[in-house]
Amino acid sequence: MRLRAFLAATVAAGALLAAPAWAQNGPPAMISVTGEATVSVPPDLAEIEGGVTSDAKTAREASEANNVAMGKLLLALKGVNIEEKDIKTSRLSLQPQNAPNRTGSSAIVGYRASNRVTIRVRDITRLANVIDALVGAGANEIGGINFMVSQASKLLDQAREQAIADARRKAEIYAKAAGVTLGAPLGITEEGSPGALPYRRMSAGIAAAPVAQGEETLGVTVNVSWAIKPAQ
């Protein structure tokens, strides 16, 4: 009986000693908030897609006609000072064209060749001239205009600093309301991919009009956790 009582007392004492250690290893007291910031700037780069589609009775005729038409388009781009490094093929296809038939089987009545390129315009003030050149050279496919900012990374760094400041401001409000003070940040994470850019489309075959690029808004969202301690 004495041995059992001694063992029971020993186990109880061990549990009491272990409890504070377990509490110290638990999650720290903290406040977690989200900080946001945006930076707006006029874009200085643009990309536009343009190309030609040619129809003919044979695959060879469609391909040859498309090559001739594409050659004229590339010469027109060269005429408005677009360098070769800024022209990239984005789609190239040659497909048979079938006559409509409700029975399910249809005969091939011709072929369609298509060639589209993506053009980077480094002087955004000349974007309307590039569109004029595409239309004038016979482009019958004009895709979207994608406006970009060449120094986006530097601008995003500014937004990151502002987002952290926004997170601290919010955390201090919560800390004051809760009667605690902020300590050091325990963790910082950035949400998703910052600085999503809009994408606009134009209808093929429409003569160029003045292009209004507006401003691009680059945004950053961060999640920050701050340690808290009793107010002094």
Foldseek 3Di string as FASTA:
>chain_A
DVVVVVVVVVVVVVVVVVVVVVVVPDDFAWDKDKFKFKDKDFFQKKKKKWWAKAKDQEQVVRVVVRVVLVVLLVVLLVVLPFDPVQKAKDDWDKAFDWDDDPVPDTDGRIMMTMTMIMGMDRGVQCPLVSLQSRLVSPTQDIWKMWTHHPPVVVVVVVRVVNRVVRRVVVRQVVQVVVQKDWDAWPDKDKDDDWFDTDMGTDHGNDRGDDDDRGIGMTMIMMMIMTGIGHDD
